[in-house]
Amino acid sequence: MSNSKDKVVGELEFPRHIVSETARMSYPGRFGGKLRGGAKKAIQAYFESEYPESLQEQIVNYDDWHINRVRQLGDVIRNRNFRQNEQDTFFALSAKLVNTFMHQLMKYDRFRYLYKSLHLPLDGTVFQRLLRREYDHNELQNLRNLVRAFTNCAYKFGPETYVQIQGELWGVVNYFNVNVLPENCQICSRIDLNCLLW
């Protein structure tokens, strides 16, 4: 039987272990060519230093919380000169990293209340799939027009375009639920599009 001191240490340290493990698992495999050497460890260190405390409290407005974290991580990438391609924006690179981190975090029950709010990680594969003929429907035209500019350089969008794309992705969720998926397989989050568009 553990004593009360062990319980306190466990409650304080467990979130750190969760964040550390999630940071190690969430770095996208094909992302190596986007950032210079040393980036993976620095990004893991960023998550380990910033996220345990920021995830302790219930997140009420996920979108605001998310944009702030993406900007913070973008500053890390900028300040450490990790960006490989000058066309890529710090915001787009860090958004991909934060989104893959948050997706991995969903395996822990205490964070699943955020699931419906998660953003889809954006990359060239997602943009190319959205431009396929099967997505050429009136309700998806705004989104298709937005992503058309990023098919050759998926990481050049800024915060305003990112917010627009994520907002338009709700139309894709609705499209799949109404036109494609059976009633017992409905999706409820933009992150669910990961398995359909990637």
N, C-alpha and C. Protein backbone atom coordinates (compact mmCIF):
# COMPACT_ATOMS: atom_id res chain seq x y z
N MET A 1 0.85 -1.19 0.00
CA MET A 1 0.00 0.00 0.00
C MET A 1 0.89 1.23 0.00
N SER A 2 0.65 2.18 -0.91
CA SER A 2 1.50 3.37 -0.99
C SER A 2 1.08 4.38 0.06
N ASN A 3 2.06 5.14 0.54
CA ASN A 3 1.74 6.17 1.52
C ASN A 3 1.32 7.45 0.81
N SER A 4 0.90 8.47 1.58
CA SER A 4 0.38 9.71 0.98
C SER A 4 1.47 10.46 0.23
N LYS A 5 2.74 10.34 0.68
CA LYS A 5 3.85 11.01 -0.01
C LYS A 5 4.00 10.44 -1.43
N ASP A 6 3.91 9.11 -1.57
CA ASP A 6 3.98 8.48 -2.89
C ASP A 6 2.85 8.97 -3.79
N LYS A 7 1.66 9.13 -3.22
CA LYS A 7 0.51 9.57 -3.99
C LYS A 7 0.74 10.97 -4.53
N VAL A 8 1.26 11.88 -3.69
CA VAL A 8 1.52 13.25 -4.12
C VAL A 8 2.57 13.27 -5.21
N VAL A 9 3.66 12.55 -5.04
CA VAL A 9 4.71 12.49 -6.05
C VAL A 9 4.13 11.94 -7.34
N GLY A 10 3.32 10.89 -7.24
CA GLY A 10 2.72 10.30 -8.44
C GLY A 10 1.83 11.28 -9.17
N GLU A 11 1.00 12.04 -8.44
CA GLU A 11 0.10 13.00 -9.06
C GLU A 11 0.87 14.12 -9.74
N LEU A 12 2.00 14.51 -9.18
CA LEU A 12 2.80 15.58 -9.77
C LEU A 12 3.64 15.10 -10.95
N GLU A 13 4.13 13.89 -10.86
CA GLU A 13 5.04 13.39 -11.89
C GLU A 13 4.35 12.70 -13.04
N PHE A 14 3.19 12.12 -12.83
CA PHE A 14 2.55 11.36 -13.89
C PHE A 14 2.32 12.20 -15.16
N PRO A 15 1.80 13.45 -15.04
CA PRO A 15 1.64 14.25 -16.26
C PRO A 15 2.97 14.47 -17.01
N ARG A 16 4.05 14.59 -16.28
CA ARG A 16 5.36 14.76 -16.94
C ARG A 16 5.74 13.52 -17.73
N HIS A 17 5.46 12.35 -17.18
CA HIS A 17 5.75 11.10 -17.88
C HIS A 17 4.87 10.97 -19.13
N ILE A 18 3.60 11.35 -19.00
CA ILE A 18 2.69 11.31 -20.15
C ILE A 18 3.21 12.20 -21.26
N VAL A 19 3.56 13.43 -20.93
CA VAL A 19 4.03 14.39 -21.93
C VAL A 19 5.33 13.92 -22.57
N SER A 20 6.24 13.41 -21.77
CA SER A 20 7.52 12.94 -22.30
C SER A 20 7.32 11.79 -23.28
N GLU A 21 6.51 10.83 -22.91
CA GLU A 21 6.25 9.68 -23.78
C GLU A 21 5.53 10.12 -25.05
N THR A 22 4.56 11.01 -24.91
CA THR A 22 3.81 11.50 -26.07
C THR A 22 4.70 12.29 -27.00
N ALA A 23 5.57 13.11 -26.47
CA ALA A 23 6.49 13.90 -27.31
C ALA A 23 7.42 13.00 -28.11
N ARG A 24 7.88 11.92 -27.50
CA ARG A 24 8.76 10.99 -28.23
C ARG A 24 8.01 10.29 -29.37
N MET A 25 6.74 9.98 -29.14
CA MET A 25 5.96 9.21 -30.11
C MET A 25 5.36 10.08 -31.22
N SER A 26 5.26 11.38 -31.01
CA SER A 26 4.46 12.20 -31.92
C SER A 26 5.23 12.89 -33.03
N TYR A 27 6.55 12.81 -33.04
CA TYR A 27 7.31 13.47 -34.10
C TYR A 27 7.06 12.74 -35.41
N PRO A 28 6.48 13.42 -36.43
CA PRO A 28 6.14 12.72 -37.68
C PRO A 28 7.36 12.12 -38.36
N GLY A 29 7.25 10.88 -38.78
CA GLY A 29 8.37 10.16 -39.38
C GLY A 29 8.93 10.81 -40.62
N ARG A 30 8.05 11.36 -41.47
CA ARG A 30 8.52 11.97 -42.71
C ARG A 30 8.78 13.46 -42.55
N PHE A 31 8.98 13.91 -41.34
CA PHE A 31 9.17 15.33 -41.06
C PHE A 31 10.64 15.71 -40.99
N GLY A 32 11.52 14.70 -41.03
CA GLY A 32 12.95 14.95 -40.88
C GLY A 32 13.52 15.93 -41.89
N GLY A 33 13.05 15.91 -43.13
CA GLY A 33 13.56 16.83 -44.14
C GLY A 33 13.07 18.24 -43.98
N LYS A 34 12.14 18.47 -43.09
CA LYS A 34 11.59 19.81 -42.88
C LYS A 34 12.38 20.62 -41.85
N LEU A 35 13.02 19.91 -40.92
CA LEU A 35 13.75 20.60 -39.85
C LEU A 35 15.18 20.09 -39.76
N ARG A 36 16.07 20.94 -39.33
CA ARG A 36 17.49 20.61 -39.22
C ARG A 36 17.74 19.65 -38.04
N GLY A 37 18.92 19.05 -38.05
CA GLY A 37 19.33 18.15 -36.99
C GLY A 37 19.24 18.81 -35.62
N GLY A 38 18.83 18.03 -34.65
CA GLY A 38 18.67 18.53 -33.29
C GLY A 38 17.26 19.00 -32.98
N ALA A 39 16.44 19.16 -34.03
CA ALA A 39 15.09 19.69 -33.83
C ALA A 39 14.23 18.74 -33.00
N LYS A 40 14.33 17.45 -33.29
CA LYS A 40 13.47 16.49 -32.60
C LYS A 40 13.68 16.56 -31.09
N LYS A 41 14.92 16.60 -30.64
CA LYS A 41 15.20 16.66 -29.19
C LYS A 41 14.75 18.00 -28.61
N ALA A 42 14.96 19.08 -29.35
CA ALA A 42 14.56 20.40 -28.85
C ALA A 42 13.04 20.52 -28.75
N ILE A 43 12.34 19.93 -29.70
CA ILE A 43 10.88 19.97 -29.69
C ILE A 43 10.35 19.10 -28.56
N GLN A 44 10.97 17.96 -28.35
CA GLN A 44 10.58 17.12 -27.21
C GLN A 44 10.81 17.88 -25.90
N ALA A 45 11.94 18.57 -25.79
CA ALA A 45 12.23 19.35 -24.58
C ALA A 45 11.20 20.47 -24.39
N TYR A 46 10.78 21.09 -25.50
CA TYR A 46 9.75 22.13 -25.41
C TYR A 46 8.46 21.54 -24.82
N PHE A 47 8.00 20.43 -25.39
CA PHE A 47 6.77 19.80 -24.88
C PHE A 47 6.93 19.44 -23.40
N GLU A 48 8.07 18.87 -23.04
CA GLU A 48 8.29 18.45 -21.66
C GLU A 48 8.34 19.63 -20.70
N SER A 49 8.81 20.78 -21.14
CA SER A 49 8.91 21.94 -20.24
C SER A 49 7.60 22.74 -20.17
N GLU A 50 6.84 22.78 -21.25
CA GLU A 50 5.65 23.63 -21.31
C GLU A 50 4.34 22.91 -21.05
N TYR A 51 4.23 21.67 -21.45
CA TYR A 51 2.91 21.03 -21.47
C TYR A 51 2.43 20.44 -20.17
N PRO A 52 3.25 19.91 -19.30
CA PRO A 52 2.65 19.34 -18.08
C PRO A 52 1.78 20.35 -17.33
N GLU A 53 2.26 21.58 -17.17
CA GLU A 53 1.49 22.59 -16.44
C GLU A 53 0.29 23.05 -17.26
N SER A 54 0.48 23.28 -18.56
CA SER A 54 -0.62 23.81 -19.36
C SER A 54 -1.75 22.79 -19.54
N LEU A 55 -1.45 21.51 -19.35
CA LEU A 55 -2.48 20.48 -19.48
C LEU A 55 -3.10 20.09 -18.14
N GLN A 56 -2.57 20.63 -17.04
CA GLN A 56 -3.11 20.30 -15.72
C GLN A 56 -4.53 20.82 -15.55
N GLU A 57 -4.75 22.05 -16.02
CA GLU A 57 -6.08 22.66 -15.89
C GLU A 57 -6.95 22.24 -17.06
N GLN A 58 -8.25 22.20 -16.83
CA GLN A 58 -9.19 21.90 -17.91
C GLN A 58 -9.09 23.01 -18.96
N ILE A 59 -8.94 22.63 -20.22
CA ILE A 59 -8.85 23.60 -21.31
C ILE A 59 -10.26 23.92 -21.75
N VAL A 60 -10.65 25.19 -21.60
CA VAL A 60 -12.01 25.60 -21.91
C VAL A 60 -12.14 25.99 -23.38
N ASN A 61 -11.24 26.83 -23.87
CA ASN A 61 -11.27 27.25 -25.27
C ASN A 61 -10.08 26.63 -25.99
N TYR A 62 -10.29 25.47 -26.58
CA TYR A 62 -9.18 24.73 -27.20
C TYR A 62 -8.53 25.51 -28.33
N ASP A 63 -9.31 26.16 -29.16
CA ASP A 63 -8.73 26.85 -30.31
C ASP A 63 -7.77 27.95 -29.88
N ASP A 64 -8.13 28.74 -28.86
CA ASP A 64 -7.22 29.79 -28.37
C ASP A 64 -5.97 29.16 -27.74
N TRP A 65 -6.18 28.15 -26.91
CA TRP A 65 -5.06 27.45 -26.27
C TRP A 65 -4.11 26.91 -27.35
N HIS A 66 -4.68 26.28 -28.38
CA HIS A 66 -3.92 25.66 -29.46
C HIS A 66 -3.08 26.69 -30.21
N ILE A 67 -3.69 27.80 -30.62
CA ILE A 67 -2.96 28.83 -31.39
C ILE A 67 -1.79 29.36 -30.57
N ASN A 68 -2.00 29.57 -29.29
CA ASN A 68 -0.90 30.05 -28.43
C ASN A 68 0.24 29.04 -28.39
N ARG A 69 -0.07 27.75 -28.27
CA ARG A 69 0.97 26.72 -28.24
C ARG A 69 1.70 26.62 -29.57
N VAL A 70 0.96 26.73 -30.67
CA VAL A 70 1.59 26.67 -32.00
C VAL A 70 2.56 27.84 -32.16
N ARG A 71 2.15 29.01 -31.72
CA ARG A 71 3.05 30.19 -31.83
C ARG A 71 4.30 30.02 -30.95
N GLN A 72 4.11 29.48 -29.75
CA GLN A 72 5.27 29.25 -28.87
C GLN A 72 6.26 28.29 -29.51
N LEU A 73 5.75 27.19 -30.03
CA LEU A 73 6.64 26.21 -30.66
C LEU A 73 7.27 26.80 -31.92
N GLY A 74 6.53 27.59 -32.67
CA GLY A 74 7.08 28.28 -33.83
C GLY A 74 8.26 29.17 -33.44
N ASP A 75 8.16 29.81 -32.28
CA ASP A 75 9.28 30.63 -31.79
C ASP A 75 10.51 29.77 -31.48
N VAL A 76 10.29 28.57 -30.95
CA VAL A 76 11.41 27.66 -30.69
C VAL A 76 12.09 27.29 -32.01
N ILE A 77 11.30 26.94 -33.01
CA ILE A 77 11.86 26.57 -34.31
C ILE A 77 12.61 27.75 -34.93
N ARG A 78 12.06 28.94 -34.83
CA ARG A 78 12.69 30.15 -35.37
C ARG A 78 13.98 30.48 -34.61
N ASN A 79 13.89 30.52 -33.30
CA ASN A 79 15.04 30.94 -32.48
C ASN A 79 16.21 29.97 -32.57
N ARG A 80 15.92 28.71 -32.81
CA ARG A 80 16.98 27.71 -32.92
C ARG A 80 17.39 27.45 -34.37
N ASN A 81 16.77 28.17 -35.30
CA ASN A 81 17.10 28.08 -36.72
C ASN A 81 16.98 26.64 -37.24
N PHE A 82 15.87 25.98 -36.92
CA PHE A 82 15.67 24.59 -37.33
C PHE A 82 15.03 24.44 -38.71
N ARG A 83 14.42 25.48 -39.22
CA ARG A 83 13.69 25.38 -40.49
C ARG A 83 14.66 25.12 -41.64
N GLN A 84 14.36 24.12 -42.47
CA GLN A 84 15.19 23.78 -43.63
C GLN A 84 14.83 24.60 -44.86
N ASN A 85 13.54 24.73 -45.13
CA ASN A 85 13.05 25.34 -46.35
C ASN A 85 12.47 26.72 -46.03
N GLU A 86 13.00 27.75 -46.67
CA GLU A 86 12.56 29.12 -46.41
C GLU A 86 11.09 29.35 -46.76
N GLN A 87 10.52 28.52 -47.65
CA GLN A 87 9.10 28.65 -48.01
C GLN A 87 8.18 28.22 -46.87
N ASP A 88 8.64 27.32 -46.05
CA ASP A 88 7.82 26.84 -44.94
C ASP A 88 7.69 27.93 -43.88
N THR A 89 6.48 28.09 -43.34
CA THR A 89 6.31 29.06 -42.26
C THR A 89 6.52 28.35 -40.92
N PHE A 90 6.99 29.10 -39.96
CA PHE A 90 7.18 28.54 -38.62
C PHE A 90 5.83 28.09 -38.06
N PHE A 91 4.78 28.84 -38.37
CA PHE A 91 3.46 28.50 -37.88
C PHE A 91 3.00 27.15 -38.43
N ALA A 92 3.14 26.94 -39.74
CA ALA A 92 2.67 25.69 -40.35
C ALA A 92 3.44 24.49 -39.82
N LEU A 93 4.74 24.63 -39.68
CA LEU A 93 5.56 23.53 -39.15
C LEU A 93 5.15 23.18 -37.72
N SER A 94 5.01 24.22 -36.90
CA SER A 94 4.69 23.95 -35.50
C SER A 94 3.24 23.47 -35.34
N ALA A 95 2.32 23.91 -36.22
CA ALA A 95 0.94 23.41 -36.15
C ALA A 95 0.91 21.90 -36.38
N LYS A 96 1.67 21.44 -37.36
CA LYS A 96 1.73 19.99 -37.63
C LYS A 96 2.23 19.25 -36.38
N LEU A 97 3.26 19.77 -35.74
CA LEU A 97 3.83 19.11 -34.57
C LEU A 97 2.88 19.12 -33.37
N VAL A 98 2.24 20.25 -33.12
CA VAL A 98 1.29 20.32 -32.01
C VAL A 98 0.11 19.39 -32.27
N ASN A 99 -0.37 19.36 -33.50
CA ASN A 99 -1.53 18.51 -33.81
C ASN A 99 -1.21 17.03 -33.70
N THR A 100 -0.03 16.62 -34.13
CA THR A 100 0.32 15.19 -33.98
C THR A 100 0.55 14.85 -32.50
N PHE A 101 1.10 15.79 -31.74
CA PHE A 101 1.26 15.58 -30.30
C PHE A 101 -0.11 15.38 -29.64
N MET A 102 -1.04 16.28 -29.93
CA MET A 102 -2.36 16.20 -29.30
C MET A 102 -3.10 14.94 -29.72
N HIS A 103 -2.93 14.50 -30.96
CA HIS A 103 -3.55 13.26 -31.41
C HIS A 103 -3.01 12.08 -30.61
N GLN A 104 -1.71 12.02 -30.43
CA GLN A 104 -1.10 10.94 -29.64
C GLN A 104 -1.57 10.98 -28.19
N LEU A 105 -1.81 12.17 -27.68
CA LEU A 105 -2.21 12.34 -26.28
C LEU A 105 -3.58 11.72 -25.98
N MET A 106 -4.36 11.48 -27.01
CA MET A 106 -5.72 10.97 -26.81
C MET A 106 -5.76 9.54 -26.28
N LYS A 107 -4.63 8.86 -26.26
CA LYS A 107 -4.67 7.51 -25.68
C LYS A 107 -4.82 7.55 -24.16
N TYR A 108 -4.67 8.74 -23.59
CA TYR A 108 -4.83 8.90 -22.14
C TYR A 108 -6.23 9.46 -21.85
N ASP A 109 -6.99 8.73 -21.07
CA ASP A 109 -8.38 9.06 -20.80
C ASP A 109 -8.58 10.48 -20.29
N ARG A 110 -7.69 10.98 -19.47
CA ARG A 110 -7.88 12.30 -18.86
C ARG A 110 -7.90 13.43 -19.88
N PHE A 111 -7.43 13.18 -21.12
CA PHE A 111 -7.38 14.23 -22.14
C PHE A 111 -8.44 14.03 -23.24
N ARG A 112 -9.19 12.96 -23.17
CA ARG A 112 -10.13 12.66 -24.25
C ARG A 112 -11.29 13.63 -24.34
N TYR A 113 -11.52 14.43 -23.31
CA TYR A 113 -12.57 15.45 -23.39
C TYR A 113 -12.25 16.46 -24.50
N LEU A 114 -11.00 16.52 -24.93
CA LEU A 114 -10.58 17.44 -25.99
C LEU A 114 -10.78 16.87 -27.39
N TYR A 115 -11.10 15.59 -27.49
CA TYR A 115 -11.08 14.90 -28.78
C TYR A 115 -11.88 15.62 -29.87
N LYS A 116 -13.09 16.04 -29.56
CA LYS A 116 -13.94 16.68 -30.58
C LYS A 116 -13.38 18.01 -31.05
N SER A 117 -12.51 18.62 -30.27
CA SER A 117 -11.94 19.92 -30.63
C SER A 117 -10.63 19.82 -31.42
N LEU A 118 -10.04 18.63 -31.47
CA LEU A 118 -8.72 18.50 -32.11
C LEU A 118 -8.74 18.94 -33.56
N HIS A 119 -7.60 19.43 -34.01
CA HIS A 119 -7.42 19.87 -35.39
C HIS A 119 -6.76 18.74 -36.19
N LEU A 120 -7.09 18.70 -37.47
CA LEU A 120 -6.46 17.73 -38.37
C LEU A 120 -5.04 18.21 -38.68
N PRO A 121 -4.01 17.35 -38.51
CA PRO A 121 -2.66 17.74 -38.94
C PRO A 121 -2.66 17.91 -40.46
N LEU A 122 -2.19 19.06 -40.91
CA LEU A 122 -2.21 19.39 -42.34
C LEU A 122 -0.86 19.10 -42.98
N ASP A 123 -0.91 18.50 -44.16
CA ASP A 123 0.31 18.26 -44.93
C ASP A 123 -0.06 18.06 -46.39
N GLY A 124 0.93 17.82 -47.23
CA GLY A 124 0.71 17.68 -48.66
C GLY A 124 -0.22 16.54 -49.01
N THR A 125 -0.15 15.45 -48.27
CA THR A 125 -1.02 14.31 -48.54
C THR A 125 -2.49 14.69 -48.35
N VAL A 126 -2.80 15.36 -47.25
CA VAL A 126 -4.17 15.79 -46.98
C VAL A 126 -4.64 16.75 -48.07
N PHE A 127 -3.80 17.72 -48.42
CA PHE A 127 -4.20 18.69 -49.44
C PHE A 127 -4.45 18.03 -50.79
N GLN A 128 -3.59 17.11 -51.18
CA GLN A 128 -3.76 16.42 -52.46
C GLN A 128 -5.04 15.58 -52.47
N ARG A 129 -5.33 14.92 -51.36
CA ARG A 129 -6.55 14.10 -51.29
C ARG A 129 -7.80 14.97 -51.40
N LEU A 130 -7.77 16.13 -50.77
CA LEU A 130 -8.93 17.02 -50.82
C LEU A 130 -9.19 17.55 -52.23
N LEU A 131 -8.18 17.54 -53.07
CA LEU A 131 -8.35 18.02 -54.45
C LEU A 131 -8.74 16.91 -55.42
N ARG A 132 -8.89 15.70 -54.94
CA ARG A 132 -9.33 14.61 -55.82
C ARG A 132 -10.75 14.86 -56.30
N ARG A 133 -11.07 14.25 -57.42
CA ARG A 133 -12.39 14.42 -58.05
C ARG A 133 -13.53 14.04 -57.11
N GLU A 134 -13.34 13.03 -56.27
CA GLU A 134 -14.46 12.60 -55.42
C GLU A 134 -14.85 13.65 -54.37
N TYR A 135 -14.01 14.66 -54.17
CA TYR A 135 -14.34 15.74 -53.23
C TYR A 135 -14.78 17.01 -53.95
N ASP A 136 -15.09 16.89 -55.23
CA ASP A 136 -15.51 18.04 -56.03
C ASP A 136 -17.02 18.24 -55.87
N HIS A 137 -17.40 18.74 -54.71
CA HIS A 137 -18.81 18.98 -54.38
C HIS A 137 -18.96 20.43 -53.93
N ASN A 138 -20.11 21.00 -54.17
CA ASN A 138 -20.35 22.41 -53.86
C ASN A 138 -19.99 22.77 -52.43
N GLU A 139 -20.38 21.91 -51.48
CA GLU A 139 -20.16 22.24 -50.07
C GLU A 139 -18.68 22.20 -49.67
N LEU A 140 -17.82 21.66 -50.53
CA LEU A 140 -16.39 21.58 -50.22
C LEU A 140 -15.55 22.55 -51.06
N GLN A 141 -16.18 23.38 -51.89
CA GLN A 141 -15.43 24.24 -52.80
C GLN A 141 -14.57 25.27 -52.07
N ASN A 142 -15.08 25.87 -51.01
CA ASN A 142 -14.27 26.86 -50.27
C ASN A 142 -12.98 26.22 -49.77
N LEU A 143 -13.10 25.04 -49.21
CA LEU A 143 -11.92 24.34 -48.70
C LEU A 143 -10.97 23.99 -49.84
N ARG A 144 -11.49 23.47 -50.92
CA ARG A 144 -10.65 23.09 -52.05
C ARG A 144 -9.92 24.31 -52.62
N ASN A 145 -10.59 25.44 -52.67
CA ASN A 145 -9.93 26.67 -53.14
C ASN A 145 -8.81 27.10 -52.20
N LEU A 146 -9.03 26.93 -50.90
CA LEU A 146 -8.00 27.29 -49.93
C LEU A 146 -6.76 26.41 -50.05
N VAL A 147 -6.94 25.10 -50.17
CA VAL A 147 -5.80 24.18 -50.14
C VAL A 147 -5.07 24.09 -51.48
N ARG A 148 -5.71 24.54 -52.54
CA ARG A 148 -5.08 24.47 -53.87
C ARG A 148 -3.72 25.16 -53.89
N ALA A 149 -3.57 26.22 -53.13
CA ALA A 149 -2.32 26.98 -53.10
C ALA A 149 -1.18 26.25 -52.40
N PHE A 150 -1.49 25.15 -51.71
CA PHE A 150 -0.47 24.50 -50.88
C PHE A 150 -0.10 23.10 -51.34
N THR A 151 -0.50 22.72 -52.53
CA THR A 151 -0.21 21.35 -52.97
C THR A 151 1.28 21.13 -53.23
N ASN A 152 2.01 22.16 -53.62
CA ASN A 152 3.45 22.01 -53.88
C ASN A 152 4.31 22.38 -52.68
N CYS A 153 3.76 23.12 -51.76
CA CYS A 153 4.49 23.52 -50.55
C CYS A 153 3.49 23.57 -49.41
N ALA A 154 3.29 22.43 -48.79
CA ALA A 154 2.20 22.27 -47.82
C ALA A 154 2.37 23.08 -46.54
N TYR A 155 3.57 23.54 -46.26
CA TYR A 155 3.81 24.22 -44.98
C TYR A 155 4.06 25.72 -45.14
N LYS A 156 3.39 26.35 -46.09
CA LYS A 156 3.61 27.79 -46.26
C LYS A 156 2.42 28.64 -45.80
N PHE A 157 1.42 28.03 -45.17
CA PHE A 157 0.26 28.81 -44.70
C PHE A 157 0.56 29.50 -43.38
N GLY A 158 -0.17 30.59 -43.15
CA GLY A 158 -0.07 31.34 -41.89
C GLY A 158 -1.27 31.08 -41.01
N PRO A 159 -1.36 31.76 -39.87
CA PRO A 159 -2.44 31.51 -38.90
C PRO A 159 -3.85 31.73 -39.45
N GLU A 160 -4.04 32.80 -40.23
CA GLU A 160 -5.39 33.10 -40.72
C GLU A 160 -5.89 32.01 -41.66
N THR A 161 -5.04 31.60 -42.60
CA THR A 161 -5.43 30.55 -43.54
C THR A 161 -5.62 29.23 -42.80
N TYR A 162 -4.77 28.96 -41.83
CA TYR A 162 -4.90 27.74 -41.03
C TYR A 162 -6.26 27.68 -40.36
N VAL A 163 -6.67 28.77 -39.72
CA VAL A 163 -7.97 28.82 -39.03
C VAL A 163 -9.10 28.60 -40.03
N GLN A 164 -8.98 29.21 -41.22
CA GLN A 164 -10.00 29.02 -42.25
C GLN A 164 -10.08 27.55 -42.68
N ILE A 165 -8.94 26.94 -42.93
CA ILE A 165 -8.92 25.53 -43.36
C ILE A 165 -9.55 24.64 -42.29
N GLN A 166 -9.13 24.83 -41.04
CA GLN A 166 -9.68 23.99 -39.96
C GLN A 166 -11.18 24.19 -39.83
N GLY A 167 -11.66 25.42 -40.02
CA GLY A 167 -13.10 25.68 -39.98
C GLY A 167 -13.83 24.97 -41.11
N GLU A 168 -13.27 25.04 -42.31
CA GLU A 168 -13.88 24.39 -43.47
C GLU A 168 -13.87 22.86 -43.36
N LEU A 169 -12.94 22.32 -42.60
CA LEU A 169 -12.89 20.86 -42.44
C LEU A 169 -14.14 20.30 -41.77
N TRP A 170 -14.86 21.13 -41.01
CA TRP A 170 -16.13 20.67 -40.44
C TRP A 170 -17.10 20.31 -41.56
N GLY A 171 -16.98 21.00 -42.71
CA GLY A 171 -17.81 20.65 -43.86
C GLY A 171 -17.48 19.27 -44.40
N VAL A 172 -16.20 18.90 -44.33
CA VAL A 172 -15.80 17.56 -44.78
C VAL A 172 -16.33 16.51 -43.80
N VAL A 173 -16.26 16.80 -42.51
CA VAL A 173 -16.83 15.89 -41.51
C VAL A 173 -18.31 15.67 -41.82
N ASN A 174 -19.04 16.76 -42.05
CA ASN A 174 -20.46 16.66 -42.36
C ASN A 174 -20.69 15.90 -43.67
N TYR A 175 -19.87 16.18 -44.67
CA TYR A 175 -19.99 15.49 -45.97
C TYR A 175 -19.87 13.98 -45.79
N PHE A 176 -18.85 13.55 -45.06
CA PHE A 176 -18.68 12.10 -44.84
C PHE A 176 -19.85 11.52 -44.06
N ASN A 177 -20.30 12.22 -43.03
CA ASN A 177 -21.40 11.71 -42.21
C ASN A 177 -22.70 11.58 -43.00
N VAL A 178 -22.97 12.53 -43.89
CA VAL A 178 -24.23 12.54 -44.64
C VAL A 178 -24.16 11.65 -45.88
N ASN A 179 -23.03 11.65 -46.58
CA ASN A 179 -22.95 11.03 -47.91
C ASN A 179 -22.16 9.73 -48.01
N VAL A 180 -21.30 9.46 -47.05
CA VAL A 180 -20.37 8.34 -47.23
C VAL A 180 -20.51 7.29 -46.13
N LEU A 181 -20.48 7.71 -44.90
CA LEU A 181 -20.39 6.77 -43.79
C LEU A 181 -21.77 6.27 -43.33
N PRO A 182 -21.85 4.99 -42.95
CA PRO A 182 -23.12 4.50 -42.39
C PRO A 182 -23.41 5.18 -41.05
N GLU A 183 -24.64 5.14 -40.66
CA GLU A 183 -25.06 5.84 -39.44
C GLU A 183 -24.31 5.37 -38.19
N ASN A 184 -23.90 4.11 -38.16
CA ASN A 184 -23.20 3.60 -36.97
C ASN A 184 -21.69 3.86 -37.02
N CYS A 185 -21.22 4.59 -38.03
CA CYS A 185 -19.78 4.91 -38.15
C CYS A 185 -19.55 6.41 -38.33
N GLN A 186 -20.39 7.23 -37.75
CA GLN A 186 -20.25 8.68 -37.92
C GLN A 186 -18.98 9.19 -37.23
N ILE A 187 -18.42 10.26 -37.77
CA ILE A 187 -17.23 10.86 -37.16
C ILE A 187 -17.64 12.15 -36.46
N CYS A 188 -16.88 12.51 -35.43
CA CYS A 188 -17.27 13.65 -34.59
C CYS A 188 -16.18 14.70 -34.46
N SER A 189 -15.05 14.49 -35.10
CA SER A 189 -13.92 15.39 -34.92
C SER A 189 -13.15 15.52 -36.23
N ARG A 190 -12.50 16.66 -36.41
CA ARG A 190 -11.66 16.83 -37.59
C ARG A 190 -10.52 15.82 -37.59
N ILE A 191 -10.07 15.41 -36.42
CA ILE A 191 -8.97 14.45 -36.35
C ILE A 191 -9.40 13.09 -36.91
N ASP A 192 -10.71 12.80 -36.89
CA ASP A 192 -11.20 11.55 -37.49
C ASP A 192 -10.95 11.51 -38.99
N LEU A 193 -10.80 12.67 -39.61
CA LEU A 193 -10.52 12.72 -41.04
C LEU A 193 -9.13 12.16 -41.38
N ASN A 194 -8.29 12.03 -40.36
CA ASN A 194 -6.93 11.52 -40.56
C ASN A 194 -6.96 10.16 -41.26
N CYS A 195 -7.85 9.28 -40.82
CA CYS A 195 -7.89 7.94 -41.43
C CYS A 195 -8.54 7.95 -42.79
N LEU A 196 -9.30 8.98 -43.13
CA LEU A 196 -10.00 9.04 -44.41
C LEU A 196 -9.22 9.82 -45.47
N LEU A 197 -8.38 10.76 -45.03
CA LEU A 197 -7.67 11.62 -45.98
C LEU A 197 -6.18 11.37 -46.04
N TRP A 198 -5.66 10.53 -45.17
CA TRP A 198 -4.20 10.36 -45.16
C TRP A 198 -3.77 9.05 -45.72
